[in-house]
Every structure is written in structure tokens, then in C-alpha cells.
């Protein structure tokens, strides 16, 4: 028979383990809110600079935007990219911009071209030229264990960071972008 003291001790240990597991589940990736965005060149696969290296962070400058980083290509990545494109189309009249950056590198080129062709996307699809070893991964503090990182930015400053989400959670990115756009339109 378990004594009350042993039961309380086991309950406390269980609570501590659950709390630790919960914190581990919240792996962060990317720059925190309030951080300026640095210039990073990427290889443009489908955008206006198709076939060239370009800095979309520089191109967007002060415009409200989402910088979307994806570790690699997958069905889940495709769903999130399509959602991001919908967000862009809905808000482009508000000068809103968005770009996709695949961290995996040049191996993603054909996948990006096929996705663009089948989904008829308007946002630029790009990749890191040196893959995961690209300096951009360090500059933007991208965690290699995280599938995706969405940085909502305006005036080259991060206003929100949403990372490691599934397609069913894209509303978090939309909500953050809508808040940023609302604040930006009041200025």
C-alpha cells in the first residue's frame, strides 16, 4: 500500500517530468521579436529574380512581410507554402510580401519548380545556396531540429516568430501577420 508521503513524492516527480517534456516540445528557432533582420542572399527558383542570387530581405526593406524558412521538402512543407501564398494573395494590396526559403539547398530546386507549377504560387520560392551550412542559418539562428520558422517582419525588424508548426496551425502565422498589418496601417 502506497503511503501518502510516497504518493505525493511520485506526484511531484511526475509533474516535474511532464513540465520538462513540455518545455522540450517548445523548441525555438529563428530570431526573437524586436531583432533586426540581416541581409541574406538566396537562390531564386520561381520569383522575379529566377535563376539569380537575391536578397529578398533587402528587396522587401520596410514592407510588412513573412520570411518562411523550411528545413526540407515534404508534403507538410507544401501545405504550409500553399497557406502562406493564400495569406500573401489576401493581403498583397496592403503591400504585404512573403518569401519561402528552403534550408536544404539546391536539391530542393526541382521540388520547388514542381510545386510552383502545380499550385500556381505567386510568392517567390528560394533555397539556401550552401544548404544547411549556409551562413544564413546561423545569422537567423535556425534550429536544425525544427521543421519550419516563420518570421513576421516590418521595417526589417521581427515582430513575431512562429516555429515548428503543422499545416493545421498556420492560423498562428496568419494571426501574427494580421496583427502586424493592423499596427502598420495605423502609422
Protein backbone atom coordinates (compact mmCIF):
# COMPACT_ATOMS: atom_id res chain seq x y z
CA UNK A 1 0.00 0.00 0.00
CA UNK A 2 1.34 3.41 -1.00
CA UNK A 3 1.67 5.88 1.83
CA UNK A 4 0.54 9.44 1.40
CA UNK A 5 4.15 10.68 1.52
CA UNK A 6 5.26 8.30 -1.27
CA UNK A 7 2.18 9.21 -3.33
CA UNK A 8 2.97 12.93 -3.02
CA UNK A 9 6.62 12.35 -3.94
CA UNK A 10 5.65 10.34 -7.02
CA UNK A 11 3.11 13.00 -8.00
CA UNK A 12 5.75 15.72 -7.73
CA UNK A 13 8.25 13.71 -9.82
CA UNK A 14 5.56 13.11 -12.46
CA UNK A 15 4.71 16.82 -12.58
CA UNK A 16 8.38 17.79 -12.98
CA UNK A 17 8.86 15.25 -15.80
CA UNK A 18 5.75 16.45 -17.63
CA UNK A 19 6.87 20.07 -17.28
CA UNK A 20 10.32 19.25 -18.65
CA UNK A 21 8.80 17.35 -21.58
CA UNK A 22 6.52 20.30 -22.30
CA UNK A 23 9.46 22.73 -22.37
CA UNK A 24 11.42 20.43 -24.68
CA UNK A 25 8.42 20.37 -27.03
CA UNK A 26 8.68 24.15 -27.43
CA UNK A 27 11.98 24.20 -29.32
CA UNK A 28 12.59 27.70 -30.60
CA UNK A 29 14.12 28.60 -33.90
CA UNK A 30 14.81 31.93 -35.51
CA UNK A 31 15.22 35.49 -34.35
CA UNK A 32 13.14 36.76 -31.43
CA UNK A 33 10.72 39.67 -31.75
CA UNK A 34 12.46 43.05 -31.79
CA UNK A 35 15.55 41.76 -33.61
CA UNK A 36 16.65 43.45 -36.85
CA UNK A 37 16.77 41.23 -39.95
CA UNK A 38 20.11 40.84 -41.68
CA UNK A 39 20.70 40.68 -45.43
CA UNK A 40 20.92 37.11 -46.73
CA UNK A 41 21.30 36.08 -50.37
CA UNK A 42 19.27 33.08 -51.54
CA UNK A 43 18.89 31.39 -54.92
CA UNK A 44 15.57 32.39 -56.54
CA UNK A 45 13.81 29.45 -58.21
CA UNK A 46 10.44 30.99 -59.17
CA UNK A 47 10.35 34.69 -58.30
CA UNK A 48 11.14 37.82 -60.30
CA UNK A 49 14.87 37.07 -59.98
CA UNK A 50 14.52 33.46 -61.15
CA UNK A 51 17.92 31.83 -61.66
CA UNK A 52 19.79 34.50 -59.68
CA UNK A 53 21.01 35.06 -56.15
CA UNK A 54 18.96 37.75 -54.46
CA UNK A 55 18.33 39.18 -51.01
CA UNK A 56 14.56 39.29 -50.50
CA UNK A 57 15.08 40.72 -47.02
CA UNK A 58 16.74 43.69 -48.78
CA UNK A 59 14.11 43.74 -51.52
CA UNK A 60 11.23 43.90 -49.02
CA UNK A 61 13.07 46.57 -46.97
CA UNK A 62 10.34 48.28 -44.91
CA UNK A 63 7.35 46.39 -46.34
CA UNK A 64 5.38 44.11 -44.00
CA UNK A 65 6.30 40.51 -44.78
CA UNK A 66 6.79 36.91 -43.72
CA UNK A 67 10.15 35.22 -44.14
CA UNK A 68 9.39 31.49 -44.17
CA UNK A 69 12.23 29.04 -43.59
CA UNK A 70 11.71 25.32 -44.16
CA UNK A 71 14.26 22.66 -43.22
CA UNK A 72 13.44 20.47 -46.22
CA UNK A 73 10.78 19.49 -48.74
CA UNK A 74 7.78 17.37 -47.77
CA UNK A 75 4.01 17.17 -48.16
CA UNK A 76 3.63 19.14 -44.92
CA UNK A 77 6.02 21.82 -46.21
CA UNK A 78 3.97 22.05 -49.42
CA UNK A 79 0.73 22.56 -47.45
CA UNK A 80 2.31 25.36 -45.39
CA UNK A 81 3.71 27.05 -48.52
CA UNK A 82 0.26 26.99 -50.13
CA UNK A 83 -1.22 28.54 -46.96
CA UNK A 84 1.47 31.25 -46.99
CA UNK A 85 0.67 32.00 -50.62
CA UNK A 86 -3.03 32.38 -49.70
CA UNK A 87 -2.07 34.81 -46.93
CA UNK A 88 0.01 36.79 -49.43
CA UNK A 89 -2.75 36.91 -52.07
CA UNK A 90 -5.25 38.06 -49.44
CA UNK A 91 -3.01 40.91 -48.26
CA UNK A 92 -0.88 41.94 -51.23
CA UNK A 93 -2.98 45.11 -51.73
CA UNK A 94 -1.68 46.14 -48.28
CA UNK A 95 1.89 45.97 -49.65
CA UNK A 96 2.40 42.65 -47.83
CA UNK A 97 5.16 40.36 -49.09
CA UNK A 98 6.26 36.78 -48.42
CA UNK A 99 9.14 34.52 -49.44
CA UNK A 100 9.89 30.82 -48.97
CA UNK A 101 13.46 29.74 -48.21
CA UNK A 102 14.34 26.04 -48.23
CA UNK A 103 17.34 25.42 -45.99
CA UNK A 104 18.20 22.04 -47.60
CA UNK A 105 19.75 23.77 -50.61
CA UNK A 106 19.90 23.08 -54.33
CA UNK A 107 18.47 19.55 -54.06
CA UNK A 108 15.10 21.25 -53.49
CA UNK A 109 15.11 23.10 -56.84
CA UNK A 110 13.06 20.59 -58.87
CA UNK A 111 10.61 20.11 -55.99
CA UNK A 112 10.08 23.89 -55.78
CA UNK A 113 9.58 24.16 -59.55
CA UNK A 114 7.01 21.34 -59.49
CA UNK A 115 5.18 22.82 -56.51
CA UNK A 116 5.04 26.21 -58.22
CA UNK A 117 3.75 24.65 -61.43
CA UNK A 118 1.02 22.57 -59.76
CA UNK A 119 -0.13 25.19 -57.24
CA UNK A 120 0.40 28.34 -59.36
CA UNK A 121 2.04 30.21 -56.49
CA UNK A 122 2.70 33.95 -56.52
CA UNK A 123 5.32 34.11 -53.77
CA UNK A 124 9.00 33.53 -54.59
CA UNK A 125 10.36 30.08 -53.79
CA UNK A 126 14.08 30.07 -52.98
CA UNK A 127 16.78 27.96 -51.35
CA UNK A 128 19.97 28.50 -49.35
CA UNK A 129 22.84 28.17 -51.83
CA UNK A 130 25.06 26.30 -49.37
CA UNK A 131 22.25 24.30 -47.82
CA UNK A 132 22.21 23.88 -44.02
CA UNK A 133 25.82 25.15 -43.86
CA UNK A 134 24.82 28.50 -45.36
CA UNK A 135 25.72 31.46 -43.15
CA UNK A 136 22.03 32.48 -43.26
CA UNK A 137 21.15 29.53 -40.99
CA UNK A 138 23.47 30.91 -38.31
CA UNK A 139 22.56 34.56 -38.81
CA UNK A 140 18.86 33.75 -38.44
CA UNK A 141 19.50 31.28 -35.58
CA UNK A 142 17.62 28.48 -37.34
CA UNK A 143 17.44 25.33 -35.24
CA UNK A 144 18.25 22.29 -37.43
CA UNK A 145 15.79 20.17 -35.41
CA UNK A 146 12.86 22.45 -36.28
CA UNK A 147 10.84 21.83 -39.47
CA UNK A 148 9.88 25.46 -40.14
CA UNK A 149 10.28 29.01 -38.89
CA UNK A 150 8.06 31.94 -39.89
CA UNK A 151 9.39 35.42 -39.10
CA UNK A 152 6.79 38.16 -39.37
CA UNK A 153 8.67 41.39 -40.03
CA UNK A 154 8.19 45.04 -40.88
CA UNK A 155 10.82 47.77 -41.24
CA UNK A 156 13.43 44.98 -41.20
CA UNK A 157 12.52 44.07 -37.62
CA UNK A 158 10.94 40.84 -36.41
CA UNK A 159 7.52 41.42 -34.85
CA UNK A 160 6.66 37.75 -34.32
CA UNK A 161 8.26 34.33 -34.59
CA UNK A 162 6.18 31.20 -35.16
CA UNK A 163 8.13 27.98 -35.49
CA UNK A 164 7.78 24.22 -35.80
CA UNK A 165 4.09 24.16 -36.73
CA UNK A 166 1.96 21.77 -38.72
CA UNK A 167 -0.38 22.87 -41.51
CA UNK A 168 -3.31 22.80 -39.07
CA UNK A 169 -1.58 25.52 -37.04
CA UNK A 170 -0.95 28.02 -39.86
CA UNK A 171 -3.55 30.29 -38.25
CA UNK A 172 -0.82 31.32 -35.80
CA UNK A 173 1.17 32.79 -38.71
CA UNK A 174 -1.95 34.44 -40.20
CA UNK A 175 -2.89 35.95 -36.83
CA UNK A 176 0.62 37.32 -36.29
CA UNK A 177 0.69 38.80 -39.81
CA UNK A 178 -2.79 40.35 -39.40
CA UNK A 179 -1.75 41.96 -36.09
CA UNK A 180 1.40 43.35 -37.68
CA UNK A 181 -0.55 44.67 -40.68
CA UNK A 182 -3.12 46.31 -38.40
CA UNK A 183 -0.37 48.03 -36.35
CA UNK A 184 1.43 49.06 -39.54
CA UNK A 185 -1.69 50.63 -41.11
CA UNK A 186 -2.21 52.81 -38.00
CA UNK A 187 1.13 54.57 -38.58
